[in-house]
Amino acid sequence: MRAGAFIAVEGPDGVGKTTTVAAVAQRLSAAGRDVHVTAEPSDTPLGRLVRSAEARLSGRALALAVAADRHAHVQREISPAVAEGRLVISDRYVPSSLVLQRLDGLALDEIWLYNADLPAPAATFYLQAPADLLQARLNERGRLSRLERAGTPTRAIQLYAEAYEFLAARGWHQQRVDCGESTPDQVAGVICDHLDHLPA
């Protein structure tokens, strides 16, 4: 895999995306890679506005705000970092919209309309775990966001499977990673092994 590249880590709430991203970044940095970790919504005024407004915005308004933040995220952070030769790892990207905005009442085709011209990552990794494990982790959080309350782990798993097939038909390079009984370091190892076999 070339030095400058962009990958995304996806999956239902509670699956361990943020923990896995940190473990992957640590492993790759230790191996000498120049890694840049990011997340969506982005850590910008627009991204922070999206996070704070999620409880009040819904449907098309929220989908457009998320897409605007994503376009700016790619333009101002992801693409420049890749051009500098860094490996960018994003916690969430387009597949999250194809799931969360559907929970918010939008059709798949409309969500894609707002995201179709964004670059596909070199690889997108879908973390997977049983619904009962995801529910137990969500229960431990106590307070959930509006969209977390709008769906269930079973529904999220179904929608992520549909997003996977939808993007596969559009040429996205994707990989499912089972992490139900694996430690974050083991999951990171699987992802890093897969990265080693991506084309340069």
N, C-alpha and C. Protein backbone atom coordinates (compact mmCIF):
# COMPACT_ATOMS: atom_id res chain seq x y z
N MET A 1 0.84 -1.19 0.00
CA MET A 1 0.00 0.00 0.00
C MET A 1 0.88 1.24 0.00
N ARG A 2 0.55 2.24 -0.82
CA ARG A 2 1.33 3.46 -0.92
C ARG A 2 1.33 4.20 0.41
N ALA A 3 2.34 5.07 0.60
CA ALA A 3 2.49 5.77 1.87
C ALA A 3 1.30 6.69 2.13
N GLY A 4 0.90 7.46 1.12
CA GLY A 4 -0.23 8.35 1.28
C GLY A 4 -1.51 7.67 0.88
N ALA A 5 -2.42 7.50 1.81
CA ALA A 5 -3.67 6.80 1.51
C ALA A 5 -4.70 7.15 2.57
N PHE A 6 -5.93 6.78 2.27
CA PHE A 6 -7.05 7.07 3.15
C PHE A 6 -7.85 5.81 3.38
N ILE A 7 -8.09 5.45 4.64
CA ILE A 7 -8.93 4.31 4.97
C ILE A 7 -9.99 4.75 5.98
N ALA A 8 -11.10 4.04 6.03
CA ALA A 8 -12.18 4.35 6.96
C ALA A 8 -12.53 3.10 7.76
N VAL A 9 -12.92 3.32 9.01
CA VAL A 9 -13.37 2.23 9.88
C VAL A 9 -14.84 2.50 10.22
N GLU A 10 -15.68 1.50 9.99
CA GLU A 10 -17.12 1.65 10.12
C GLU A 10 -17.71 0.54 10.99
N GLY A 11 -18.98 0.70 11.32
CA GLY A 11 -19.68 -0.34 12.05
C GLY A 11 -20.71 0.24 12.99
N PRO A 12 -21.58 -0.59 13.52
CA PRO A 12 -22.67 -0.13 14.39
C PRO A 12 -22.15 0.51 15.67
N ASP A 13 -22.96 1.34 16.28
CA ASP A 13 -22.62 1.93 17.57
C ASP A 13 -22.35 0.82 18.58
N GLY A 14 -21.26 1.00 19.33
CA GLY A 14 -20.89 0.02 20.33
C GLY A 14 -19.94 -1.05 19.86
N VAL A 15 -19.58 -1.05 18.58
CA VAL A 15 -18.74 -2.12 18.04
C VAL A 15 -17.26 -1.90 18.34
N GLY A 16 -16.87 -0.66 18.69
CA GLY A 16 -15.49 -0.40 19.06
C GLY A 16 -14.68 0.31 18.00
N LYS A 17 -15.32 1.15 17.20
CA LYS A 17 -14.60 1.84 16.11
C LYS A 17 -13.47 2.72 16.63
N THR A 18 -13.77 3.56 17.62
CA THR A 18 -12.77 4.51 18.10
C THR A 18 -11.59 3.78 18.74
N THR A 19 -11.87 2.76 19.52
CA THR A 19 -10.80 1.96 20.14
C THR A 19 -9.96 1.27 19.08
N THR A 20 -10.62 0.73 18.05
CA THR A 20 -9.90 0.04 16.99
C THR A 20 -9.03 1.00 16.19
N VAL A 21 -9.57 2.17 15.87
CA VAL A 21 -8.79 3.16 15.12
C VAL A 21 -7.51 3.51 15.90
N ALA A 22 -7.64 3.72 17.20
CA ALA A 22 -6.47 4.05 18.02
C ALA A 22 -5.45 2.91 18.00
N ALA A 23 -5.93 1.67 18.07
CA ALA A 23 -5.02 0.51 18.07
C ALA A 23 -4.32 0.36 16.72
N VAL A 24 -5.06 0.58 15.63
CA VAL A 24 -4.45 0.51 14.29
C VAL A 24 -3.40 1.59 14.14
N ALA A 25 -3.73 2.80 14.56
CA ALA A 25 -2.78 3.92 14.44
C ALA A 25 -1.52 3.66 15.25
N GLN A 26 -1.68 3.13 16.45
CA GLN A 26 -0.52 2.84 17.28
C GLN A 26 0.37 1.79 16.64
N ARG A 27 -0.25 0.75 16.11
CA ARG A 27 0.51 -0.33 15.48
C ARG A 27 1.27 0.17 14.25
N LEU A 28 0.59 0.96 13.41
CA LEU A 28 1.22 1.46 12.19
C LEU A 28 2.30 2.50 12.49
N SER A 29 2.05 3.34 13.48
CA SER A 29 3.06 4.33 13.87
C SER A 29 4.32 3.64 14.39
N ALA A 30 4.12 2.58 15.16
CA ALA A 30 5.27 1.83 15.68
C ALA A 30 6.07 1.19 14.56
N ALA A 31 5.39 0.91 13.44
CA ALA A 31 6.07 0.32 12.28
C ALA A 31 6.68 1.38 11.37
N GLY A 32 6.59 2.65 11.77
CA GLY A 32 7.23 3.71 11.01
C GLY A 32 6.34 4.44 10.03
N ARG A 33 5.03 4.17 10.03
CA ARG A 33 4.12 4.87 9.14
C ARG A 33 3.74 6.23 9.70
N ASP A 34 3.58 7.18 8.81
CA ASP A 34 3.12 8.52 9.20
C ASP A 34 1.59 8.49 9.17
N VAL A 35 0.97 8.43 10.33
CA VAL A 35 -0.47 8.20 10.45
C VAL A 35 -1.18 9.47 10.93
N HIS A 36 -2.31 9.73 10.33
CA HIS A 36 -3.16 10.85 10.75
C HIS A 36 -4.54 10.30 11.06
N VAL A 37 -4.98 10.43 12.31
CA VAL A 37 -6.28 9.93 12.74
C VAL A 37 -7.29 11.06 12.74
N THR A 38 -8.48 10.77 12.22
CA THR A 38 -9.54 11.76 12.19
C THR A 38 -10.88 11.06 12.42
N ALA A 39 -11.95 11.82 12.43
CA ALA A 39 -13.27 11.24 12.70
C ALA A 39 -14.34 12.12 12.11
N GLU A 40 -15.53 11.56 11.97
CA GLU A 40 -16.69 12.32 11.53
C GLU A 40 -17.82 12.19 12.53
N PRO A 41 -18.57 13.28 12.78
CA PRO A 41 -18.34 14.62 12.26
C PRO A 41 -16.93 15.11 12.62
N SER A 42 -16.42 16.05 11.81
CA SER A 42 -15.04 16.49 11.95
C SER A 42 -14.85 17.37 13.18
N ASP A 43 -13.60 17.55 13.56
CA ASP A 43 -13.27 18.41 14.69
C ASP A 43 -13.03 19.83 14.18
N THR A 44 -14.07 20.41 13.60
CA THR A 44 -14.06 21.77 13.08
C THR A 44 -15.31 22.47 13.61
N PRO A 45 -15.41 23.79 13.46
CA PRO A 45 -16.64 24.45 13.90
C PRO A 45 -17.90 23.84 13.27
N LEU A 46 -17.81 23.49 11.97
CA LEU A 46 -18.96 22.88 11.31
C LEU A 46 -19.25 21.50 11.88
N GLY A 47 -18.22 20.70 12.06
CA GLY A 47 -18.41 19.37 12.62
C GLY A 47 -18.96 19.40 14.03
N ARG A 48 -18.44 20.32 14.84
CA ARG A 48 -18.95 20.44 16.21
C ARG A 48 -20.40 20.91 16.22
N LEU A 49 -20.75 21.77 15.25
CA LEU A 49 -22.14 22.20 15.13
C LEU A 49 -23.04 21.02 14.79
N VAL A 50 -22.58 20.15 13.88
CA VAL A 50 -23.35 18.97 13.51
C VAL A 50 -23.58 18.08 14.73
N ARG A 51 -22.53 17.87 15.52
CA ARG A 51 -22.66 17.04 16.71
C ARG A 51 -23.67 17.62 17.69
N SER A 52 -23.57 18.93 17.91
CA SER A 52 -24.45 19.55 18.90
C SER A 52 -25.88 19.67 18.41
N ALA A 53 -26.07 19.72 17.07
CA ALA A 53 -27.41 19.92 16.51
C ALA A 53 -28.13 18.61 16.21
N GLU A 54 -27.47 17.47 16.41
CA GLU A 54 -28.07 16.18 16.05
C GLU A 54 -29.38 15.94 16.79
N ALA A 55 -29.49 16.47 17.99
CA ALA A 55 -30.71 16.28 18.76
C ALA A 55 -31.86 17.12 18.24
N ARG A 56 -31.53 18.20 17.49
CA ARG A 56 -32.56 19.12 17.01
C ARG A 56 -32.81 19.03 15.51
N LEU A 57 -31.76 18.74 14.74
CA LEU A 57 -31.92 18.56 13.30
C LEU A 57 -32.28 17.12 12.99
N SER A 58 -33.04 16.90 11.94
CA SER A 58 -33.38 15.53 11.54
C SER A 58 -33.59 15.48 10.04
N GLY A 59 -33.73 14.26 9.54
CA GLY A 59 -34.05 14.06 8.13
C GLY A 59 -33.09 14.74 7.18
N ARG A 60 -33.64 15.41 6.17
CA ARG A 60 -32.83 16.03 5.12
C ARG A 60 -31.91 17.12 5.66
N ALA A 61 -32.38 17.91 6.61
CA ALA A 61 -31.56 18.98 7.15
C ALA A 61 -30.28 18.42 7.78
N LEU A 62 -30.40 17.36 8.57
CA LEU A 62 -29.22 16.76 9.19
C LEU A 62 -28.35 16.10 8.14
N ALA A 63 -28.94 15.40 7.19
CA ALA A 63 -28.16 14.73 6.15
C ALA A 63 -27.33 15.72 5.35
N LEU A 64 -27.90 16.87 5.02
CA LEU A 64 -27.17 17.90 4.27
C LEU A 64 -26.05 18.49 5.12
N ALA A 65 -26.31 18.71 6.41
CA ALA A 65 -25.27 19.25 7.29
C ALA A 65 -24.11 18.27 7.42
N VAL A 66 -24.43 16.98 7.57
CA VAL A 66 -23.38 15.96 7.67
C VAL A 66 -22.58 15.89 6.38
N ALA A 67 -23.27 15.94 5.23
CA ALA A 67 -22.58 15.87 3.94
C ALA A 67 -21.70 17.10 3.74
N ALA A 68 -22.17 18.28 4.14
CA ALA A 68 -21.36 19.49 4.02
C ALA A 68 -20.09 19.37 4.85
N ASP A 69 -20.23 18.88 6.07
CA ASP A 69 -19.06 18.68 6.92
C ASP A 69 -18.11 17.67 6.29
N ARG A 70 -18.65 16.62 5.69
CA ARG A 70 -17.80 15.59 5.08
C ARG A 70 -17.04 16.15 3.87
N HIS A 71 -17.71 16.92 3.03
CA HIS A 71 -17.02 17.51 1.88
C HIS A 71 -15.89 18.42 2.34
N ALA A 72 -16.14 19.24 3.36
CA ALA A 72 -15.10 20.11 3.88
C ALA A 72 -13.99 19.30 4.53
N HIS A 73 -14.35 18.21 5.21
CA HIS A 73 -13.39 17.33 5.86
C HIS A 73 -12.41 16.76 4.83
N VAL A 74 -12.94 16.29 3.71
CA VAL A 74 -12.10 15.74 2.65
C VAL A 74 -11.21 16.83 2.07
N GLN A 75 -11.81 17.98 1.77
CA GLN A 75 -11.07 19.05 1.10
C GLN A 75 -9.97 19.65 1.98
N ARG A 76 -10.27 19.85 3.26
CA ARG A 76 -9.36 20.61 4.11
C ARG A 76 -8.44 19.75 4.97
N GLU A 77 -8.80 18.49 5.17
CA GLU A 77 -7.98 17.66 6.06
C GLU A 77 -7.52 16.37 5.41
N ILE A 78 -8.45 15.58 4.89
CA ILE A 78 -8.08 14.25 4.40
C ILE A 78 -7.19 14.34 3.17
N SER A 79 -7.64 15.02 2.13
CA SER A 79 -6.86 15.08 0.88
C SER A 79 -5.49 15.72 1.07
N PRO A 80 -5.36 16.83 1.80
CA PRO A 80 -4.02 17.39 2.02
C PRO A 80 -3.09 16.43 2.76
N ALA A 81 -3.61 15.71 3.76
CA ALA A 81 -2.77 14.77 4.50
C ALA A 81 -2.30 13.62 3.61
N VAL A 82 -3.20 13.13 2.76
CA VAL A 82 -2.82 12.06 1.82
C VAL A 82 -1.76 12.57 0.85
N ALA A 83 -1.93 13.80 0.36
CA ALA A 83 -0.96 14.39 -0.58
C ALA A 83 0.41 14.55 0.05
N GLU A 84 0.45 14.70 1.38
CA GLU A 84 1.72 14.81 2.10
C GLU A 84 2.34 13.45 2.38
N GLY A 85 1.68 12.38 1.94
CA GLY A 85 2.21 11.04 2.12
C GLY A 85 1.79 10.36 3.40
N ARG A 86 0.77 10.88 4.06
CA ARG A 86 0.33 10.31 5.33
C ARG A 86 -0.79 9.28 5.10
N LEU A 87 -0.89 8.34 6.02
CA LEU A 87 -2.00 7.38 6.01
C LEU A 87 -3.09 7.94 6.91
N VAL A 88 -4.22 8.29 6.32
CA VAL A 88 -5.33 8.87 7.06
C VAL A 88 -6.31 7.77 7.45
N ILE A 89 -6.66 7.71 8.72
CA ILE A 89 -7.63 6.74 9.21
C ILE A 89 -8.81 7.52 9.78
N SER A 90 -9.99 7.34 9.21
CA SER A 90 -11.17 8.05 9.67
C SER A 90 -12.12 7.12 10.41
N ASP A 91 -12.52 7.55 11.58
CA ASP A 91 -13.56 6.89 12.36
C ASP A 91 -14.90 7.41 11.83
N ARG A 92 -15.52 6.65 10.94
CA ARG A 92 -16.77 6.96 10.22
C ARG A 92 -16.47 7.71 8.91
N TYR A 93 -17.34 7.40 7.93
CA TYR A 93 -17.28 8.09 6.64
C TYR A 93 -18.64 7.88 5.98
N VAL A 94 -18.70 7.78 4.66
CA VAL A 94 -19.96 7.71 3.93
C VAL A 94 -20.87 6.58 4.42
N PRO A 95 -20.36 5.35 4.69
CA PRO A 95 -21.28 4.29 5.13
C PRO A 95 -22.11 4.67 6.35
N SER A 96 -21.55 5.48 7.25
CA SER A 96 -22.33 5.90 8.42
C SER A 96 -23.57 6.67 8.00
N SER A 97 -23.44 7.52 6.98
CA SER A 97 -24.61 8.25 6.50
C SER A 97 -25.62 7.31 5.87
N LEU A 98 -25.13 6.30 5.15
CA LEU A 98 -26.03 5.35 4.50
C LEU A 98 -26.81 4.52 5.52
N VAL A 99 -26.36 4.55 6.77
CA VAL A 99 -27.07 3.86 7.86
C VAL A 99 -27.87 4.86 8.70
N LEU A 100 -27.18 5.85 9.25
CA LEU A 100 -27.82 6.74 10.22
C LEU A 100 -28.90 7.61 9.59
N GLN A 101 -28.66 8.09 8.37
CA GLN A 101 -29.69 8.91 7.74
C GLN A 101 -30.90 8.08 7.30
N ARG A 102 -30.70 6.80 7.09
CA ARG A 102 -31.85 5.92 6.83
C ARG A 102 -32.66 5.72 8.10
N LEU A 103 -31.99 5.61 9.24
CA LEU A 103 -32.71 5.55 10.50
C LEU A 103 -33.51 6.83 10.74
N ASP A 104 -33.06 7.91 10.09
CA ASP A 104 -33.70 9.21 10.24
C ASP A 104 -34.74 9.47 9.17
N GLY A 105 -35.07 8.44 8.37
CA GLY A 105 -36.20 8.53 7.46
C GLY A 105 -35.89 8.80 6.01
N LEU A 106 -34.61 8.91 5.63
CA LEU A 106 -34.27 9.20 4.24
C LEU A 106 -34.07 7.91 3.44
N ALA A 107 -34.29 8.01 2.15
CA ALA A 107 -34.07 6.88 1.25
C ALA A 107 -32.59 6.79 0.89
N LEU A 108 -32.15 5.59 0.60
CA LEU A 108 -30.74 5.35 0.28
C LEU A 108 -30.29 6.21 -0.90
N ASP A 109 -31.10 6.29 -1.95
CA ASP A 109 -30.70 7.05 -3.14
C ASP A 109 -30.52 8.53 -2.84
N GLU A 110 -31.35 9.08 -1.96
CA GLU A 110 -31.19 10.50 -1.62
C GLU A 110 -29.90 10.73 -0.83
N ILE A 111 -29.62 9.86 0.10
CA ILE A 111 -28.38 9.99 0.88
C ILE A 111 -27.17 9.92 -0.04
N TRP A 112 -27.22 8.99 -0.98
CA TRP A 112 -26.10 8.83 -1.91
C TRP A 112 -25.93 10.07 -2.78
N LEU A 113 -27.02 10.71 -3.13
CA LEU A 113 -26.96 11.93 -3.95
C LEU A 113 -26.07 12.98 -3.29
N TYR A 114 -26.11 13.07 -1.97
CA TYR A 114 -25.34 14.08 -1.25
C TYR A 114 -23.87 13.68 -1.07
N ASN A 115 -23.55 12.40 -1.33
CA ASN A 115 -22.21 11.89 -1.06
C ASN A 115 -21.52 11.25 -2.26
N ALA A 116 -22.20 11.19 -3.40
CA ALA A 116 -21.71 10.39 -4.53
C ALA A 116 -20.39 10.87 -5.09
N ASP A 117 -20.11 12.17 -5.00
CA ASP A 117 -18.89 12.68 -5.62
C ASP A 117 -17.70 12.71 -4.66
N LEU A 118 -17.84 12.16 -3.48
CA LEU A 118 -16.73 12.08 -2.54
C LEU A 118 -15.81 10.92 -2.92
N PRO A 119 -14.51 11.03 -2.63
CA PRO A 119 -13.59 9.95 -2.98
C PRO A 119 -13.81 8.71 -2.14
N ALA A 120 -13.71 7.56 -2.78
CA ALA A 120 -13.76 6.30 -2.03
C ALA A 120 -12.43 6.08 -1.32
N PRO A 121 -12.44 5.60 -0.08
CA PRO A 121 -11.17 5.27 0.58
C PRO A 121 -10.46 4.14 -0.14
N ALA A 122 -9.16 4.02 0.12
CA ALA A 122 -8.41 2.87 -0.40
C ALA A 122 -8.99 1.58 0.15
N ALA A 123 -9.52 1.65 1.37
CA ALA A 123 -10.19 0.49 1.97
C ALA A 123 -11.13 0.99 3.06
N THR A 124 -12.26 0.32 3.19
CA THR A 124 -13.21 0.60 4.26
C THR A 124 -13.41 -0.69 5.03
N PHE A 125 -13.19 -0.63 6.34
CA PHE A 125 -13.30 -1.81 7.19
C PHE A 125 -14.57 -1.73 8.02
N TYR A 126 -15.41 -2.76 7.92
CA TYR A 126 -16.66 -2.84 8.65
C TYR A 126 -16.47 -3.77 9.84
N LEU A 127 -16.47 -3.20 11.04
CA LEU A 127 -16.36 -4.01 12.24
C LEU A 127 -17.71 -4.65 12.54
N GLN A 128 -17.69 -5.92 12.91
CA GLN A 128 -18.93 -6.65 13.15
C GLN A 128 -18.89 -7.34 14.50
N ALA A 129 -20.05 -7.36 15.17
CA ALA A 129 -20.20 -8.04 16.46
C ALA A 129 -21.66 -8.42 16.61
N PRO A 130 -21.97 -9.40 17.45
CA PRO A 130 -23.37 -9.81 17.65
C PRO A 130 -24.21 -8.68 18.23
N ALA A 131 -25.49 -8.69 17.88
CA ALA A 131 -26.39 -7.63 18.32
C ALA A 131 -26.50 -7.57 19.84
N ASP A 132 -26.49 -8.73 20.51
CA ASP A 132 -26.64 -8.70 21.97
C ASP A 132 -25.43 -8.07 22.65
N LEU A 133 -24.24 -8.26 22.07
CA LEU A 133 -23.04 -7.64 22.62
C LEU A 133 -23.10 -6.12 22.42
N LEU A 134 -23.52 -5.70 21.23
CA LEU A 134 -23.66 -4.27 20.96
C LEU A 134 -24.66 -3.62 21.91
N GLN A 135 -25.79 -4.30 22.14
CA GLN A 135 -26.81 -3.75 23.02
C GLN A 135 -26.29 -3.62 24.44
N ALA A 136 -25.54 -4.62 24.89
CA ALA A 136 -24.98 -4.56 26.24
C ALA A 136 -24.03 -3.38 26.39
N ARG A 137 -23.23 -3.12 25.37
CA ARG A 137 -22.31 -1.98 25.43
C ARG A 137 -23.06 -0.66 25.42
N LEU A 138 -24.12 -0.58 24.62
CA LEU A 138 -24.92 0.64 24.59
C LEU A 138 -25.60 0.87 25.94
N ASN A 139 -26.05 -0.20 26.56
CA ASN A 139 -26.69 -0.08 27.87
C ASN A 139 -25.73 0.49 28.91
N GLU A 140 -24.45 0.15 28.76
CA GLU A 140 -23.45 0.63 29.70
C GLU A 140 -23.20 2.13 29.55
N ARG A 141 -23.49 2.68 28.37
CA ARG A 141 -23.26 4.11 28.14
C ARG A 141 -24.24 4.98 28.91
N GLY A 142 -25.41 4.44 29.16
CA GLY A 142 -26.42 5.22 29.87
C GLY A 142 -27.14 6.19 28.96
N ARG A 143 -26.52 7.30 28.62
CA ARG A 143 -27.16 8.31 27.78
C ARG A 143 -26.83 8.06 26.32
N LEU A 144 -27.85 7.96 25.48
CA LEU A 144 -27.68 7.71 24.06
C LEU A 144 -28.13 8.91 23.25
N SER A 145 -27.56 9.06 22.05
CA SER A 145 -27.98 10.14 21.16
C SER A 145 -29.35 9.82 20.56
N ARG A 146 -29.93 10.81 19.92
CA ARG A 146 -31.26 10.62 19.31
C ARG A 146 -31.22 9.49 18.28
N LEU A 147 -30.19 9.44 17.45
CA LEU A 147 -30.12 8.41 16.41
C LEU A 147 -29.79 7.04 17.01
N GLU A 148 -29.01 7.02 18.08
CA GLU A 148 -28.77 5.74 18.75
C GLU A 148 -30.08 5.18 19.31
N ARG A 149 -30.95 6.07 19.79
CA ARG A 149 -32.25 5.62 20.32
C ARG A 149 -33.21 5.25 19.20
N ALA A 150 -32.99 5.80 17.98
CA ALA A 150 -33.92 5.59 16.87
C ALA A 150 -33.83 4.18 16.30
N GLY A 151 -32.69 3.55 16.46
CA GLY A 151 -32.53 2.21 15.89
C GLY A 151 -32.23 1.19 16.96
N THR A 152 -31.94 -0.01 16.51
CA THR A 152 -31.50 -1.09 17.38
C THR A 152 -30.25 -1.69 16.77
N PRO A 153 -29.44 -2.39 17.57
CA PRO A 153 -28.27 -3.04 16.98
C PRO A 153 -28.62 -3.97 15.81
N THR A 154 -29.73 -4.70 15.93
CA THR A 154 -30.13 -5.59 14.84
C THR A 154 -30.41 -4.81 13.56
N ARG A 155 -31.13 -3.71 13.70
CA ARG A 155 -31.43 -2.86 12.54
C ARG A 155 -30.16 -2.24 11.96
N ALA A 156 -29.26 -1.79 12.83
CA ALA A 156 -28.01 -1.19 12.35
C ALA A 156 -27.17 -2.22 11.59
N ILE A 157 -27.10 -3.43 12.10
CA ILE A 157 -26.36 -4.49 11.41
C ILE A 157 -26.93 -4.72 10.02
N GLN A 158 -28.25 -4.76 9.93
CA GLN A 158 -28.91 -4.94 8.63
C GLN A 158 -28.58 -3.79 7.68
N LEU A 159 -28.65 -2.57 8.17
CA LEU A 159 -28.41 -1.41 7.31
C LEU A 159 -26.94 -1.32 6.88
N TYR A 160 -26.03 -1.71 7.77
CA TYR A 160 -24.62 -1.73 7.37
C TYR A 160 -24.36 -2.79 6.30
N ALA A 161 -25.05 -3.92 6.38
CA ALA A 161 -24.92 -4.93 5.34
C ALA A 161 -25.43 -4.40 4.00
N GLU A 162 -26.53 -3.65 4.04
CA GLU A 162 -27.06 -3.07 2.81
C GLU A 162 -26.13 -1.99 2.27
N ALA A 163 -25.53 -1.19 3.15
CA ALA A 163 -24.57 -0.18 2.72
C ALA A 163 -23.35 -0.84 2.08
N TYR A 164 -22.90 -1.94 2.65
CA TYR A 164 -21.76 -2.68 2.10
C TYR A 164 -22.05 -3.12 0.67
N GLU A 165 -23.20 -3.71 0.45
CA GLU A 165 -23.55 -4.17 -0.89
C GLU A 165 -23.74 -3.00 -1.85
N PHE A 166 -24.33 -1.93 -1.37
CA PHE A 166 -24.55 -0.74 -2.20
C PHE A 166 -23.22 -0.16 -2.68
N LEU A 167 -22.25 -0.05 -1.79
CA LEU A 167 -20.96 0.53 -2.16
C LEU A 167 -20.10 -0.46 -2.94
N ALA A 168 -20.26 -1.74 -2.66
CA ALA A 168 -19.52 -2.75 -3.45
C ALA A 168 -19.91 -2.66 -4.91
N ALA A 169 -21.19 -2.41 -5.18
CA ALA A 169 -21.66 -2.27 -6.55
C ALA A 169 -21.10 -1.03 -7.22
N ARG A 170 -20.56 -0.11 -6.43
CA ARG A 170 -19.98 1.11 -6.96
C ARG A 170 -18.45 1.11 -6.89
N GLY A 171 -17.88 -0.08 -6.70
CA GLY A 171 -16.44 -0.25 -6.81
C GLY A 171 -15.63 0.02 -5.55
N TRP A 172 -16.31 0.20 -4.42
CA TRP A 172 -15.55 0.45 -3.20
C TRP A 172 -14.82 -0.81 -2.75
N HIS A 173 -13.60 -0.64 -2.28
CA HIS A 173 -12.82 -1.75 -1.70
C HIS A 173 -13.18 -1.84 -0.22
N GLN A 174 -13.81 -2.95 0.18
CA GLN A 174 -14.32 -3.09 1.53
C GLN A 174 -13.94 -4.43 2.12
N GLN A 175 -13.88 -4.46 3.46
CA GLN A 175 -13.53 -5.68 4.15
C GLN A 175 -14.30 -5.77 5.45
N ARG A 176 -14.94 -6.90 5.69
CA ARG A 176 -15.62 -7.13 6.97
C ARG A 176 -14.62 -7.72 7.97
N VAL A 177 -14.70 -7.25 9.21
CA VAL A 177 -13.79 -7.73 10.26
C VAL A 177 -14.62 -8.14 11.47
N ASP A 178 -14.56 -9.41 11.83
CA ASP A 178 -15.29 -9.93 12.98
C ASP A 178 -14.53 -9.56 14.25
N CYS A 179 -15.17 -8.80 15.13
CA CYS A 179 -14.47 -8.39 16.36
C CYS A 179 -15.27 -8.73 17.61
N GLY A 180 -16.25 -9.62 17.48
CA GLY A 180 -17.08 -9.96 18.63
C GLY A 180 -16.32 -10.59 19.77
N GLU A 181 -15.37 -11.46 19.47
CA GLU A 181 -14.62 -12.16 20.51
C GLU A 181 -13.13 -11.84 20.44
N SER A 182 -12.78 -10.77 19.74
CA SER A 182 -11.38 -10.40 19.56
C SER A 182 -11.05 -9.16 20.37
N THR A 183 -9.80 -9.04 20.79
CA THR A 183 -9.34 -7.83 21.48
C THR A 183 -9.11 -6.74 20.43
N PRO A 184 -9.09 -5.47 20.85
CA PRO A 184 -8.79 -4.39 19.90
C PRO A 184 -7.47 -4.60 19.18
N ASP A 185 -6.47 -5.14 19.89
CA ASP A 185 -5.17 -5.35 19.24
C ASP A 185 -5.26 -6.44 18.18
N GLN A 186 -6.05 -7.47 18.44
CA GLN A 186 -6.23 -8.52 17.43
C GLN A 186 -6.96 -7.98 16.21
N VAL A 187 -7.98 -7.17 16.43
CA VAL A 187 -8.70 -6.56 15.31
C VAL A 187 -7.76 -5.65 14.53
N ALA A 188 -6.95 -4.88 15.23
CA ALA A 188 -5.98 -4.00 14.56
C ALA A 188 -5.00 -4.82 13.72
N GLY A 189 -4.62 -5.98 14.22
CA GLY A 189 -3.72 -6.83 13.46
C GLY A 189 -4.32 -7.31 12.16
N VAL A 190 -5.60 -7.67 12.20
CA VAL A 190 -6.29 -8.10 10.98
C VAL A 190 -6.33 -6.97 9.96
N ILE A 191 -6.66 -5.76 10.43
CA ILE A 191 -6.73 -4.62 9.52
C ILE A 191 -5.35 -4.31 8.94
N CYS A 192 -4.33 -4.31 9.76
CA CYS A 192 -2.98 -4.00 9.27
C CYS A 192 -2.50 -5.06 8.28
N ASP A 193 -2.80 -6.31 8.53
CA ASP A 193 -2.44 -7.36 7.58
C ASP A 193 -3.12 -7.12 6.23
N HIS A 194 -4.36 -6.71 6.28
CA HIS A 194 -5.08 -6.44 5.03
C HIS A 194 -4.47 -5.25 4.31
N LEU A 195 -4.07 -4.23 5.03
CA LEU A 195 -3.45 -3.05 4.41
C LEU A 195 -2.17 -3.40 3.69
N ASP A 196 -1.44 -4.37 4.23
CA ASP A 196 -0.18 -4.78 3.60
C ASP A 196 -0.40 -5.36 2.21
N HIS A 197 -1.61 -5.82 1.93
CA HIS A 197 -1.88 -6.47 0.64
C HIS A 197 -2.67 -5.58 -0.32
N LEU A 198 -2.90 -4.34 0.06
CA LEU A 198 -3.55 -3.42 -0.87
C LEU A 198 -2.56 -3.02 -1.95
N PRO A 199 -3.06 -2.78 -3.17
CA PRO A 199 -2.17 -2.37 -4.24
C PRO A 199 -1.52 -1.03 -3.97
N ALA A 200 -0.31 -0.85 -4.41
CA ALA A 200 0.41 0.40 -4.21
C ALA A 200 -0.17 1.50 -5.10
